[in-house]
Amino acid sequence: SKNLHKIFRYLLTMIFYLFINSVFILKFQEKDYTLESQFLSEFASFSFGFFLMYLGLHLLSDFLYVIKCYPKWLDKNRGKEFLIFSSVIVSLYVFGYVSARITSYNSYDIIVNKPNIDLKVAVIADLHLGNHMVSGERLVKIAKKVNEYNPDLVLFLGDQFDYYKSPVDFASYEQGFKEFNAKLGKFAVVGNHEYYGDSFFLISSKLHDLGIFTLRDRKKAFDNFEIISRDDKIMETAKSLKGFNVDNNKLSIVLSHRPDKIRIDEAVNEKIDLMISGHTHGGQVFPLNLIIKYGFGLRSKKIEDTNLFISSGVGGFYPLIRLFTDSEVAFLNIKSN
């Protein structure tokens, strides 16, 4: 059993180094989409997820051992320990892989202190298209479900794409973007991943052709409300919220991909009615979801007069799984108090 345990440790080390190599190759490969890139992406995700879960289980077992709660029958049999650890890891990964590809449609009521407000807003954050978690077919299904909600606005909250490789890659999602309908418009804001592939302007242009307008540090006014978009903070063009001349007689909605404390404080100080964000993926995997929810209190809450909503998003980043978090499209029912 000791030899088996040593073999398993060697296997873990090999998988970790293969993960590093896979990510390195993906980072510097040509931008053409290939089956090889898909395989490397999936393998990098699996190996990283495997490593994290193995590490987590060992930390848990070490903690139980320190407090003298570790099962004696397991401590004396490394072979059984190996089999149990392996079974748990594989089961969690399969569960997480499937969970990440099942979309939840969650409805939230947002009460605001402005008169005559009755808005239905569909929020789609962190699609991360291109990393194979959200396919073109899945995007079409999401669009059809959103249309059943009959929203006034459809808002894409940044990180629409992970890596923009070629027009062919975009074409696989084009039909999905075309399907979305909204009475008052479809808008997108910029996340950090939009800039990683150096093709932000091309992506924005293609979305514009499909009726989805990317707002970068701009204000869009309607009859009784206004949308204020924040560019991602990595851009030097991002400006202070004070520069938007917020009309406090109207419902004000700030769209910011990252729910940074600076952005939240600005929204509270300017008496913004609602700030909508993404970026966190709701923690994506356990136990990060608990840290995000209870450690930082990021989900849905109210600070003074400002409502804060952070969607857990649809897609995700490495590892390409979700453990005990929703792959979410959020329906916000915004109504007057």
C-alpha atoms as a PDB file:
ATOM      1  CA  SER A   1       0.000   0.000   0.000  1.00  0.00           C
ATOM      2  CA  LYS A   2       2.958   2.316   0.653  1.00  0.00           C
ATOM      3  CA  ASN A   3       4.197   1.762  -2.903  1.00  0.00           C
ATOM      4  CA  LEU A   4       0.693   2.525  -4.186  1.00  0.00           C
ATOM      5  CA  HIS A   5       0.678   5.752  -2.188  1.00  0.00           C
ATOM      6  CA  LYS A   6       4.061   6.762  -3.643  1.00  0.00           C
ATOM      7  CA  ILE A   7       2.828   6.037  -7.166  1.00  0.00           C
ATOM      8  CA  PHE A   8      -0.204   8.234  -6.551  1.00  0.00           C
ATOM      9  CA  ARG A   9       1.982  11.120  -5.343  1.00  0.00           C
ATOM     10  CA  TYR A  10       4.187  10.785  -8.441  1.00  0.00           C
ATOM     11  CA  LEU A  11       1.049  10.764 -10.596  1.00  0.00           C
ATOM     12  CA  LEU A  12      -0.224  13.925  -8.907  1.00  0.00           C
ATOM     13  CA  THR A  13       3.095  15.690  -9.493  1.00  0.00           C
ATOM     14  CA  MET A  14       3.086  14.656 -13.156  1.00  0.00           C
ATOM     15  CA  ILE A  15      -0.478  15.908 -13.664  1.00  0.00           C
ATOM     16  CA  PHE A  16       0.405  19.253 -12.081  1.00  0.00           C
ATOM     17  CA  TYR A  17       3.402  19.759 -14.374  1.00  0.00           C
ATOM     18  CA  LEU A  18       1.327  18.727 -17.391  1.00  0.00           C
ATOM     19  CA  PHE A  19      -1.220  21.353 -16.381  1.00  0.00           C
ATOM     20  CA  ILE A  20       1.475  24.031 -16.307  1.00  0.00           C
ATOM     21  CA  ASN A  21       2.713  22.909 -19.727  1.00  0.00           C
ATOM     22  CA  SER A  22      -0.813  22.877 -21.171  1.00  0.00           C
ATOM     23  CA  VAL A  23      -1.498  26.439 -20.016  1.00  0.00           C
ATOM     24  CA  PHE A  24       1.893  27.558 -21.353  1.00  0.00           C
ATOM     25  CA  ILE A  25       1.169  26.044 -24.778  1.00  0.00           C
ATOM     26  CA  LEU A  26      -2.325  27.563 -24.876  1.00  0.00           C
ATOM     27  CA  LYS A  27      -0.963  30.987 -23.975  1.00  0.00           C
ATOM     28  CA  PHE A  28       1.520  31.093 -26.815  1.00  0.00           C
ATOM     29  CA  GLN A  29      -0.221  29.064 -29.494  1.00  0.00           C
ATOM     30  CA  GLU A  30      -1.475  30.596 -32.731  1.00  0.00           C
ATOM     31  CA  LYS A  31      -4.888  32.221 -32.458  1.00  0.00           C
ATOM     32  CA  ASP A  32      -6.599  29.758 -34.816  1.00  0.00           C
ATOM     33  CA  TYR A  33      -9.173  27.537 -33.115  1.00  0.00           C
ATOM     34  CA  THR A  34      -8.182  23.866 -33.357  1.00  0.00           C
ATOM     35  CA  LEU A  35      -9.147  20.525 -31.824  1.00  0.00           C
ATOM     36  CA  GLU A  36      -5.695  20.527 -30.266  1.00  0.00           C
ATOM     37  CA  SER A  37      -6.446  23.765 -28.431  1.00  0.00           C
ATOM     38  CA  GLN A  38      -9.743  22.319 -27.169  1.00  0.00           C
ATOM     39  CA  PHE A  39      -7.998  19.192 -25.898  1.00  0.00           C
ATOM     40  CA  LEU A  40      -5.307  21.256 -24.154  1.00  0.00           C
ATOM     41  CA  SER A  41      -7.946  23.492 -22.616  1.00  0.00           C
ATOM     42  CA  GLU A  42      -9.972  20.568 -21.279  1.00  0.00           C
ATOM     43  CA  PHE A  43      -6.878  18.772 -20.013  1.00  0.00           C
ATOM     44  CA  ALA A  44      -5.522  21.871 -18.290  1.00  0.00           C
ATOM     45  CA  SER A  45      -8.897  22.312 -16.611  1.00  0.00           C
ATOM     46  CA  PHE A  46      -9.063  18.684 -15.470  1.00  0.00           C
ATOM     47  CA  SER A  47      -5.510  18.562 -14.142  1.00  0.00           C
ATOM     48  CA  PHE A  48      -5.899  21.859 -12.284  1.00  0.00           C
ATOM     49  CA  GLY A  49      -9.228  20.783 -10.791  1.00  0.00           C
ATOM     50  CA  PHE A  50      -7.774  17.407  -9.837  1.00  0.00           C
ATOM     51  CA  PHE A  51      -4.816  19.068  -8.139  1.00  0.00           C
ATOM     52  CA  LEU A  52      -6.980  21.525  -6.189  1.00  0.00           C
ATOM     53  CA  MET A  53      -9.377  18.843  -4.974  1.00  0.00           C
ATOM     54  CA  TYR A  54      -6.538  16.531  -3.976  1.00  0.00           C
ATOM     55  CA  LEU A  55      -4.901  19.381  -2.079  1.00  0.00           C
ATOM     56  CA  GLY A  56      -8.200  20.259  -0.395  1.00  0.00           C
ATOM     57  CA  LEU A  57      -8.833  16.675   0.697  1.00  0.00           C
ATOM     58  CA  HIS A  58      -5.346  16.370   2.117  1.00  0.00           C
ATOM     59  CA  LEU A  59      -5.721  19.615   4.064  1.00  0.00           C
ATOM     60  CA  LEU A  60      -9.020  18.325   5.441  1.00  0.00           C
ATOM     61  CA  SER A  61      -7.488  14.979   6.370  1.00  0.00           C
ATOM     62  CA  ASP A  62      -4.524  16.714   8.038  1.00  0.00           C
ATOM     63  CA  PHE A  63      -6.925  18.868  10.051  1.00  0.00           C
ATOM     64  CA  LEU A  64      -8.899  15.803  11.156  1.00  0.00           C
ATOM     65  CA  TYR A  65      -5.641  14.091  12.056  1.00  0.00           C
ATOM     66  CA  VAL A  66      -4.506  17.036  14.213  1.00  0.00           C
ATOM     67  CA  ILE A  67      -7.786  17.117  16.154  1.00  0.00           C
ATOM     68  CA  LYS A  68      -7.630  13.314  16.429  1.00  0.00           C
ATOM     69  CA  CYS A  69     -10.809  12.688  14.430  1.00  0.00           C
ATOM     70  CA  TYR A  70      -9.195  10.933  11.478  1.00  0.00           C
ATOM     71  CA  PRO A  71     -10.577   7.364  11.115  1.00  0.00           C
ATOM     72  CA  LYS A  72      -8.039   4.893  12.489  1.00  0.00           C
ATOM     73  CA  TRP A  73      -9.027   2.189   9.999  1.00  0.00           C
ATOM     74  CA  LEU A  74      -8.228   4.613   7.168  1.00  0.00           C
ATOM     75  CA  ASP A  75      -4.976   5.826   8.701  1.00  0.00           C
ATOM     76  CA  LYS A  76      -3.686   2.251   8.891  1.00  0.00           C
ATOM     77  CA  ASN A  77      -4.583   1.401   5.297  1.00  0.00           C
ATOM     78  CA  ARG A  78      -3.020   3.687   2.676  1.00  0.00           C
ATOM     79  CA  GLY A  79      -4.485   1.615  -0.115  1.00  0.00           C
ATOM     80  CA  LYS A  80      -8.042   2.307   1.039  1.00  0.00           C
ATOM     81  CA  GLU A  81      -7.153   5.957   1.595  1.00  0.00           C
ATOM     82  CA  PHE A  82      -5.921   6.178  -2.003  1.00  0.00           C
ATOM     83  CA  LEU A  83      -9.090   4.544  -3.367  1.00  0.00           C
ATOM     84  CA  ILE A  84     -11.412   6.728  -1.285  1.00  0.00           C
ATOM     85  CA  PHE A  85      -9.567   9.943  -2.144  1.00  0.00           C
ATOM     86  CA  SER A  86      -9.520   9.037  -5.839  1.00  0.00           C
ATOM     87  CA  SER A  87     -13.236   8.148  -5.848  1.00  0.00           C
ATOM     88  CA  VAL A  88     -14.190  11.399  -4.098  1.00  0.00           C
ATOM     89  CA  ILE A  89     -12.068  13.502  -6.463  1.00  0.00           C
ATOM     90  CA  VAL A  90     -13.417  11.871  -9.623  1.00  0.00           C
ATOM     91  CA  SER A  91     -17.013  12.093  -8.334  1.00  0.00           C
ATOM     92  CA  LEU A  92     -16.627  15.776  -7.422  1.00  0.00           C
ATOM     93  CA  TYR A  93     -15.059  16.597 -10.776  1.00  0.00           C
ATOM     94  CA  VAL A  94     -17.810  14.830 -12.741  1.00  0.00           C
ATOM     95  CA  PHE A  95     -20.460  16.546 -10.602  1.00  0.00           C
ATOM     96  CA  GLY A  96     -18.762  19.923 -11.081  1.00  0.00           C
ATOM     97  CA  TYR A  97     -18.342  19.398 -14.817  1.00  0.00           C
ATOM     98  CA  VAL A  98     -22.046  18.618 -15.272  1.00  0.00           C
ATOM     99  CA  SER A  99     -23.176  21.412 -12.910  1.00  0.00           C
ATOM    100  CA  ALA A 100     -21.191  24.003 -14.865  1.00  0.00           C
ATOM    101  CA  ARG A 101     -23.125  23.124 -18.008  1.00  0.00           C
ATOM    102  CA  ILE A 102     -26.628  23.329 -16.523  1.00  0.00           C
ATOM    103  CA  THR A 103     -28.065  26.845 -16.550  1.00  0.00           C
ATOM    104  CA  SER A 104     -30.124  28.105 -13.605  1.00  0.00           C
ATOM    105  CA  TYR A 105     -32.619  30.910 -14.177  1.00  0.00           C
ATOM    106  CA  ASN A 106     -32.948  32.794 -10.900  1.00  0.00           C
ATOM    107  CA  SER A 107     -35.409  35.587 -10.214  1.00  0.00           C
ATOM    108  CA  TYR A 108     -34.687  38.452  -7.797  1.00  0.00           C
ATOM    109  CA  ASP A 109     -36.902  41.312  -6.631  1.00  0.00           C
ATOM    110  CA  ILE A 110     -35.125  44.675  -6.332  1.00  0.00           C
ATOM    111  CA  ILE A 111     -37.038  47.423  -4.515  1.00  0.00           C
ATOM    112  CA  VAL A 112     -36.000  51.019  -5.267  1.00  0.00           C
ATOM    113  CA  ASN A 113     -36.973  54.404  -3.838  1.00  0.00           C
ATOM    114  CA  LYS A 114     -38.072  55.897  -7.139  1.00  0.00           C
ATOM    115  CA  PRO A 115     -41.711  56.269  -8.308  1.00  0.00           C
ATOM    116  CA  ASN A 116     -43.342  54.473 -11.235  1.00  0.00           C
ATOM    117  CA  ILE A 117     -40.627  51.895 -11.767  1.00  0.00           C
ATOM    118  CA  ASP A 118     -41.469  48.445 -13.104  1.00  0.00           C
ATOM    119  CA  LEU A 119     -38.530  47.005 -15.044  1.00  0.00           C
ATOM    120  CA  LYS A 120     -37.673  43.461 -16.058  1.00  0.00           C
ATOM    121  CA  VAL A 121     -33.929  43.056 -16.609  1.00  0.00           C
ATOM    122  CA  ALA A 122     -32.093  39.925 -17.742  1.00  0.00           C
ATOM    123  CA  VAL A 123     -28.484  39.847 -16.518  1.00  0.00           C
ATOM    124  CA  ILE A 124     -25.981  37.597 -18.296  1.00  0.00           C
ATOM    125  CA  ALA A 125     -22.523  37.808 -16.776  1.00  0.00           C
ATOM    126  CA  ASP A 126     -19.233  36.032 -17.431  1.00  0.00           C
ATOM    127  CA  LEU A 127     -20.102  33.860 -20.421  1.00  0.00           C
ATOM    128  CA  HIS A 128     -16.374  33.308 -21.063  1.00  0.00           C
ATOM    129  CA  LEU A 129     -17.141  32.076 -24.561  1.00  0.00           C
ATOM    130  CA  GLY A 130     -14.220  30.286 -26.123  1.00  0.00           C
ATOM    131  CA  ASN A 131     -13.156  28.106 -23.209  1.00  0.00           C
ATOM    132  CA  HIS A 132     -15.691  25.370 -24.094  1.00  0.00           C
ATOM    133  CA  MET A 133     -17.891  25.710 -20.995  1.00  0.00           C
ATOM    134  CA  VAL A 134     -20.648  27.535 -22.901  1.00  0.00           C
ATOM    135  CA  SER A 135     -21.242  26.228 -26.423  1.00  0.00           C
ATOM    136  CA  GLY A 136     -23.045  27.961 -29.261  1.00  0.00           C
ATOM    137  CA  GLU A 137     -26.018  25.615 -28.809  1.00  0.00           C
ATOM    138  CA  ARG A 138     -26.220  26.424 -25.112  1.00  0.00           C
ATOM    139  CA  LEU A 139     -26.168  30.160 -25.843  1.00  0.00           C
ATOM    140  CA  VAL A 140     -29.154  29.706 -28.181  1.00  0.00           C
ATOM    141  CA  LYS A 141     -31.061  27.869 -25.430  1.00  0.00           C
ATOM    142  CA  ILE A 142     -30.232  30.633 -22.951  1.00  0.00           C
ATOM    143  CA  ALA A 143     -31.490  33.288 -25.391  1.00  0.00           C
ATOM    144  CA  LYS A 144     -34.796  31.467 -25.909  1.00  0.00           C
ATOM    145  CA  LYS A 145     -35.324  31.130 -22.158  1.00  0.00           C
ATOM    146  CA  VAL A 146     -34.525  34.820 -21.656  1.00  0.00           C
ATOM    147  CA  ASN A 147     -37.044  35.734 -24.357  1.00  0.00           C
ATOM    148  CA  GLU A 148     -39.734  33.832 -22.435  1.00  0.00           C
ATOM    149  CA  TYR A 149     -39.078  36.220 -19.542  1.00  0.00           C
ATOM    150  CA  ASN A 150     -39.909  39.079 -21.962  1.00  0.00           C
ATOM    151  CA  PRO A 151     -37.328  41.523 -20.541  1.00  0.00           C
ATOM    152  CA  ASP A 152     -37.213  45.269 -20.975  1.00  0.00           C
ATOM    153  CA  LEU A 153     -33.402  45.104 -20.990  1.00  0.00           C
ATOM    154  CA  VAL A 154     -30.815  42.420 -21.643  1.00  0.00           C
ATOM    155  CA  LEU A 155     -27.484  43.254 -20.025  1.00  0.00           C
ATOM    156  CA  PHE A 156     -24.204  41.437 -20.675  1.00  0.00           C
ATOM    157  CA  LEU A 157     -21.996  42.173 -17.668  1.00  0.00           C
ATOM    158  CA  GLY A 158     -18.516  41.652 -19.134  1.00  0.00           C
ATOM    159  CA  ASP A 159     -16.170  38.757 -19.889  1.00  0.00           C
ATOM    160  CA  GLN A 160     -18.359  37.771 -22.819  1.00  0.00           C
ATOM    161  CA  PHE A 161     -15.288  36.114 -24.366  1.00  0.00           C
ATOM    162  CA  ASP A 162     -12.261  34.407 -22.908  1.00  0.00           C
ATOM    163  CA  TYR A 163      -9.967  34.274 -25.925  1.00  0.00           C
ATOM    164  CA  TYR A 164     -10.994  35.707 -29.249  1.00  0.00           C
ATOM    165  CA  LYS A 165      -9.179  33.476 -31.770  1.00  0.00           C
ATOM    166  CA  SER A 166     -10.791  34.087 -35.175  1.00  0.00           C
ATOM    167  CA  PRO A 167     -14.032  35.146 -36.928  1.00  0.00           C
ATOM    168  CA  VAL A 168     -14.919  31.432 -37.223  1.00  0.00           C
ATOM    169  CA  ASP A 169     -14.879  31.162 -33.437  1.00  0.00           C
ATOM    170  CA  PHE A 170     -17.295  34.104 -33.136  1.00  0.00           C
ATOM    171  CA  ALA A 171     -19.539  32.616 -35.822  1.00  0.00           C
ATOM    172  CA  SER A 172     -20.370  29.637 -33.608  1.00  0.00           C
ATOM    173  CA  TYR A 173     -22.005  32.045 -31.124  1.00  0.00           C
ATOM    174  CA  GLU A 174     -23.515  34.470 -33.616  1.00  0.00           C
ATOM    175  CA  GLN A 175     -26.916  32.770 -33.790  1.00  0.00           C
ATOM    176  CA  GLY A 176     -27.192  32.795 -30.013  1.00  0.00           C
ATOM    177  CA  PHE A 177     -26.561  36.536 -29.771  1.00  0.00           C
ATOM    178  CA  LYS A 178     -29.082  37.130 -32.574  1.00  0.00           C
ATOM    179  CA  GLU A 179     -31.814  35.317 -30.631  1.00  0.00           C
ATOM    180  CA  PHE A 180     -31.920  37.721 -27.674  1.00  0.00           C
ATOM    181  CA  ASN A 181     -34.873  40.134 -27.637  1.00  0.00           C
ATOM    182  CA  ALA A 182     -35.536  43.108 -25.358  1.00  0.00           C
ATOM    183  CA  LYS A 183     -38.115  45.885 -25.473  1.00  0.00           C
ATOM    184  CA  LEU A 184     -35.722  48.735 -24.643  1.00  0.00           C
ATOM    185  CA  GLY A 185     -32.391  47.380 -25.812  1.00  0.00           C
ATOM    186  CA  LYS A 186     -29.479  44.996 -25.383  1.00  0.00           C
ATOM    187  CA  PHE A 187     -26.275  46.360 -23.877  1.00  0.00           C
ATOM    188  CA  ALA A 188     -22.851  45.032 -22.927  1.00  0.00           C
ATOM    189  CA  VAL A 189     -20.123  46.343 -20.652  1.00  0.00           C
ATOM    190  CA  VAL A 190     -16.437  45.576 -20.693  1.00  0.00           C
ATOM    191  CA  GLY A 191     -14.768  43.045 -18.400  1.00  0.00           C
ATOM    192  CA  ASN A 192     -11.107  42.254 -17.876  1.00  0.00           C
ATOM    193  CA  HIS A 193     -11.055  39.279 -20.267  1.00  0.00           C
ATOM    194  CA  GLU A 194     -12.214  41.361 -23.230  1.00  0.00           C
ATOM    195  CA  TYR A 195      -8.768  42.898 -23.379  1.00  0.00           C
ATOM    196  CA  TYR A 196      -6.675  39.757 -23.028  1.00  0.00           C
ATOM    197  CA  GLY A 197      -6.973  38.772 -26.682  1.00  0.00           C
ATOM    198  CA  ASP A 198      -6.270  42.257 -28.089  1.00  0.00           C
ATOM    199  CA  SER A 199      -9.450  42.056 -30.171  1.00  0.00           C
ATOM    200  CA  PHE A 200     -11.847  44.134 -28.076  1.00  0.00           C
ATOM    201  CA  PHE A 201     -12.832  46.531 -30.865  1.00  0.00           C
ATOM    202  CA  LEU A 202     -13.499  43.678 -33.312  1.00  0.00           C
ATOM    203  CA  ILE A 203     -15.717  41.919 -30.748  1.00  0.00           C
ATOM    204  CA  SER A 204     -17.624  45.151 -30.007  1.00  0.00           C
ATOM    205  CA  SER A 205     -18.139  45.745 -33.717  1.00  0.00           C
ATOM    206  CA  LYS A 206     -19.556  42.266 -34.272  1.00  0.00           C
ATOM    207  CA  LEU A 207     -21.873  42.556 -31.259  1.00  0.00           C
ATOM    208  CA  HIS A 208     -23.006  45.953 -32.555  1.00  0.00           C
ATOM    209  CA  ASP A 209     -23.934  44.365 -35.887  1.00  0.00           C
ATOM    210  CA  LEU A 210     -26.162  41.962 -33.921  1.00  0.00           C
ATOM    211  CA  GLY A 211     -27.914  44.782 -32.060  1.00  0.00           C
ATOM    212  CA  ILE A 212     -25.929  44.564 -28.824  1.00  0.00           C
ATOM    213  CA  PHE A 213     -24.342  47.901 -27.952  1.00  0.00           C
ATOM    214  CA  THR A 214     -21.169  47.993 -25.876  1.00  0.00           C
ATOM    215  CA  LEU A 215     -21.109  50.903 -23.436  1.00  0.00           C
ATOM    216  CA  ARG A 216     -17.679  52.088 -22.278  1.00  0.00           C
ATOM    217  CA  ASP A 217     -17.817  54.753 -19.573  1.00  0.00           C
ATOM    218  CA  ARG A 218     -21.070  56.083 -21.008  1.00  0.00           C
ATOM    219  CA  LYS A 219     -24.531  57.015 -19.803  1.00  0.00           C
ATOM    220  CA  LYS A 220     -27.652  55.878 -21.620  1.00  0.00           C
ATOM    221  CA  ALA A 221     -30.791  57.808 -20.648  1.00  0.00           C
ATOM    222  CA  PHE A 222     -34.389  56.578 -20.867  1.00  0.00           C
ATOM    223  CA  ASP A 223     -37.666  58.254 -19.832  1.00  0.00           C
ATOM    224  CA  ASN A 224     -37.558  57.427 -16.120  1.00  0.00           C
ATOM    225  CA  PHE A 225     -34.180  55.710 -15.654  1.00  0.00           C
ATOM    226  CA  GLU A 226     -30.596  55.806 -16.853  1.00  0.00           C
ATOM    227  CA  ILE A 227     -27.827  53.242 -17.274  1.00  0.00           C
ATOM    228  CA  ILE A 228     -24.248  54.185 -16.432  1.00  0.00           C
ATOM    229  CA  SER A 229     -21.527  51.830 -17.650  1.00  0.00           C
ATOM    230  CA  ARG A 230     -18.117  51.511 -16.040  1.00  0.00           C
ATOM    231  CA  ASP A 231     -15.137  50.399 -18.089  1.00  0.00           C
ATOM    232  CA  ASP A 232     -12.970  47.771 -16.444  1.00  0.00           C
ATOM    233  CA  LYS A 233     -10.485  49.331 -14.043  1.00  0.00           C
ATOM    234  CA  ILE A 234      -7.470  48.081 -15.995  1.00  0.00           C
ATOM    235  CA  MET A 235      -8.302  50.673 -18.648  1.00  0.00           C
ATOM    236  CA  GLU A 236      -6.820  54.139 -18.196  1.00  0.00           C
ATOM    237  CA  THR A 237      -9.956  55.617 -19.744  1.00  0.00           C
ATOM    238  CA  ALA A 238     -12.097  54.652 -16.735  1.00  0.00           C
ATOM    239  CA  LYS A 239     -13.308  57.785 -14.992  1.00  0.00           C
ATOM    240  CA  SER A 240     -14.895  58.687 -11.692  1.00  0.00           C
ATOM    241  CA  LEU A 241     -18.637  58.225 -11.282  1.00  0.00           C
ATOM    242  CA  LYS A 242     -18.966  61.933 -10.461  1.00  0.00           C
ATOM    243  CA  GLY A 243     -18.163  62.723 -14.084  1.00  0.00           C
ATOM    244  CA  PHE A 244     -21.449  61.219 -15.280  1.00  0.00           C
ATOM    245  CA  ASN A 245     -23.709  63.886 -13.702  1.00  0.00           C
ATOM    246  CA  VAL A 246     -26.140  61.381 -12.255  1.00  0.00           C
ATOM    247  CA  ASP A 247     -29.784  62.513 -12.415  1.00  0.00           C
ATOM    248  CA  ASN A 248     -31.119  61.638  -8.963  1.00  0.00           C
ATOM    249  CA  ASN A 249     -34.681  62.280 -10.137  1.00  0.00           C
ATOM    250  CA  LYS A 250     -34.453  59.137 -12.269  1.00  0.00           C
ATOM    251  CA  LEU A 251     -33.729  55.542 -11.388  1.00  0.00           C
ATOM    252  CA  SER A 252     -29.970  55.109 -11.748  1.00  0.00           C
ATOM    253  CA  ILE A 253     -28.387  51.757 -12.649  1.00  0.00           C
ATOM    254  CA  VAL A 254     -24.607  51.349 -12.679  1.00  0.00           C
ATOM    255  CA  LEU A 255     -23.106  48.455 -14.634  1.00  0.00           C
ATOM    256  CA  SER A 256     -19.621  47.490 -13.467  1.00  0.00           C
ATOM    257  CA  HIS A 257     -18.066  44.146 -14.298  1.00  0.00           C
ATOM    258  CA  ARG A 258     -15.963  44.092 -11.141  1.00  0.00           C
ATOM    259  CA  PRO A 259     -17.648  44.782  -7.790  1.00  0.00           C
ATOM    260  CA  ASP A 260     -14.590  46.577  -6.461  1.00  0.00           C
ATOM    261  CA  LYS A 261     -14.897  48.393  -3.139  1.00  0.00           C
ATOM    262  CA  ILE A 262     -13.964  51.678  -4.823  1.00  0.00           C
ATOM    263  CA  ARG A 263     -16.810  51.261  -7.329  1.00  0.00           C
ATOM    264  CA  ILE A 264     -19.258  50.279  -4.589  1.00  0.00           C
ATOM    265  CA  ASP A 265     -18.277  53.241  -2.407  1.00  0.00           C
ATOM    266  CA  GLU A 266     -18.672  55.603  -5.368  1.00  0.00           C
ATOM    267  CA  ALA A 267     -22.151  54.225  -6.081  1.00  0.00           C
ATOM    268  CA  VAL A 268     -23.198  54.674  -2.449  1.00  0.00           C
ATOM    269  CA  ASN A 269     -21.786  58.217  -2.276  1.00  0.00           C
ATOM    270  CA  GLU A 270     -23.556  59.227  -5.509  1.00  0.00           C
ATOM    271  CA  LYS A 271     -26.819  57.680  -4.221  1.00  0.00           C
ATOM    272  CA  ILE A 272     -27.062  55.201  -7.096  1.00  0.00           C
ATOM    273  CA  ASP A 273     -30.216  53.088  -6.854  1.00  0.00           C
ATOM    274  CA  LEU A 274     -28.752  49.843  -8.203  1.00  0.00           C
ATOM    275  CA  MET A 275     -25.276  48.589  -9.078  1.00  0.00           C
ATOM    276  CA  ILE A 276     -25.036  45.324 -11.055  1.00  0.00           C
ATOM    277  CA  SER A 277     -21.797  43.354 -11.343  1.00  0.00           C
ATOM    278  CA  GLY A 278     -20.340  39.942 -12.153  1.00  0.00           C
ATOM    279  CA  HIS A 279     -16.689  38.809 -12.159  1.00  0.00           C
ATOM    280  CA  THR A 280     -16.708  36.728  -8.955  1.00  0.00           C
ATOM    281  CA  HIS A 281     -18.434  33.655 -10.502  1.00  0.00           C
ATOM    282  CA  GLY A 282     -20.036  33.311  -7.077  1.00  0.00           C
ATOM    283  CA  GLY A 283     -16.773  31.703  -5.978  1.00  0.00           C
ATOM    284  CA  GLN A 284     -17.254  29.042  -8.714  1.00  0.00           C
ATOM    285  CA  VAL A 285     -16.010  26.142  -6.574  1.00  0.00           C
ATOM    286  CA  PHE A 286     -16.473  25.154  -2.947  1.00  0.00           C
ATOM    287  CA  PRO A 287     -15.293  26.531  -0.505  1.00  0.00           C
ATOM    288  CA  LEU A 288     -14.597  29.784  -2.411  1.00  0.00           C
ATOM    289  CA  ASN A 289     -18.363  30.268  -2.753  1.00  0.00           C
ATOM    290  CA  LEU A 290     -18.641  30.515   1.051  1.00  0.00           C
ATOM    291  CA  ILE A 291     -15.793  33.033   1.190  1.00  0.00           C
ATOM    292  CA  ILE A 292     -17.434  35.191  -1.482  1.00  0.00           C
ATOM    293  CA  LYS A 293     -20.899  34.963   0.082  1.00  0.00           C
ATOM    294  CA  TYR A 294     -20.115  35.252   3.782  1.00  0.00           C
ATOM    295  CA  GLY A 295     -16.572  36.635   3.864  1.00  0.00           C
ATOM    296  CA  PHE A 296     -17.241  39.546   1.509  1.00  0.00           C
ATOM    297  CA  GLY A 297     -21.049  39.550   1.600  1.00  0.00           C
ATOM    298  CA  LEU A 298     -21.186  39.739  -2.177  1.00  0.00           C
ATOM    299  CA  ARG A 299     -24.467  38.619  -3.673  1.00  0.00           C
ATOM    300  CA  SER A 300     -27.523  40.761  -3.166  1.00  0.00           C
ATOM    301  CA  LYS A 301     -27.714  43.389  -0.454  1.00  0.00           C
ATOM    302  CA  LYS A 302     -28.439  47.036   0.237  1.00  0.00           C
ATOM    303  CA  ILE A 303     -25.955  49.649   1.436  1.00  0.00           C
ATOM    304  CA  GLU A 304     -27.770  52.807   2.544  1.00  0.00           C
ATOM    305  CA  ASP A 305     -29.905  53.704  -0.514  1.00  0.00           C
ATOM    306  CA  THR A 306     -27.930  51.600  -2.998  1.00  0.00           C
ATOM    307  CA  ASN A 307     -28.919  48.086  -3.989  1.00  0.00           C
ATOM    308  CA  LEU A 308     -25.974  45.858  -4.898  1.00  0.00           C
ATOM    309  CA  PHE A 309     -26.392  42.742  -7.034  1.00  0.00           C
ATOM    310  CA  ILE A 310     -23.535  40.467  -8.106  1.00  0.00           C
ATOM    311  CA  SER A 311     -24.415  37.633 -10.446  1.00  0.00           C
ATOM    312  CA  SER A 312     -22.552  34.329 -10.184  1.00  0.00           C
ATOM    313  CA  GLY A 313     -22.462  34.322 -14.000  1.00  0.00           C
ATOM    314  CA  VAL A 314     -22.955  31.642 -16.617  1.00  0.00           C
ATOM    315  CA  GLY A 315     -19.452  30.476 -17.516  1.00  0.00           C
ATOM    316  CA  GLY A 316     -16.246  30.343 -15.565  1.00  0.00           C
ATOM    317  CA  PHE A 317     -12.484  30.091 -15.608  1.00  0.00           C
ATOM    318  CA  TYR A 318     -10.060  27.301 -14.758  1.00  0.00           C
ATOM    319  CA  PRO A 319     -10.927  24.761 -13.584  1.00  0.00           C
ATOM    320  CA  LEU A 320     -13.943  24.589 -15.939  1.00  0.00           C
ATOM    321  CA  ILE A 321     -16.264  23.190 -13.268  1.00  0.00           C
ATOM    322  CA  ARG A 322     -18.700  24.521 -10.683  1.00  0.00           C
ATOM    323  CA  LEU A 323     -19.044  23.038  -7.217  1.00  0.00           C
ATOM    324  CA  PHE A 324     -22.120  24.173  -5.262  1.00  0.00           C
ATOM    325  CA  THR A 325     -22.535  27.411  -7.214  1.00  0.00           C
ATOM    326  CA  ASP A 326     -25.092  28.281  -9.893  1.00  0.00           C
ATOM    327  CA  SER A 327     -24.313  28.746 -13.554  1.00  0.00           C
ATOM    328  CA  GLU A 328     -26.773  31.595 -13.550  1.00  0.00           C
ATOM    329  CA  VAL A 329     -28.859  33.866 -15.715  1.00  0.00           C
ATOM    330  CA  ALA A 330     -30.436  36.422 -13.370  1.00  0.00           C
ATOM    331  CA  PHE A 331     -33.872  37.961 -13.845  1.00  0.00           C
ATOM    332  CA  LEU A 332     -34.139  41.232 -11.909  1.00  0.00           C
ATOM    333  CA  ASN A 333     -37.649  42.536 -11.210  1.00  0.00           C
ATOM    334  CA  ILE A 334     -37.016  46.174 -10.341  1.00  0.00           C
ATOM    335  CA  LYS A 335     -40.001  47.880  -8.733  1.00  0.00           C
ATOM    336  CA  SER A 336     -40.870  51.005  -6.796  1.00  0.00           C
ATOM    337  CA  ASN A 337     -41.155  50.880  -3.023  1.00  0.00           C
END
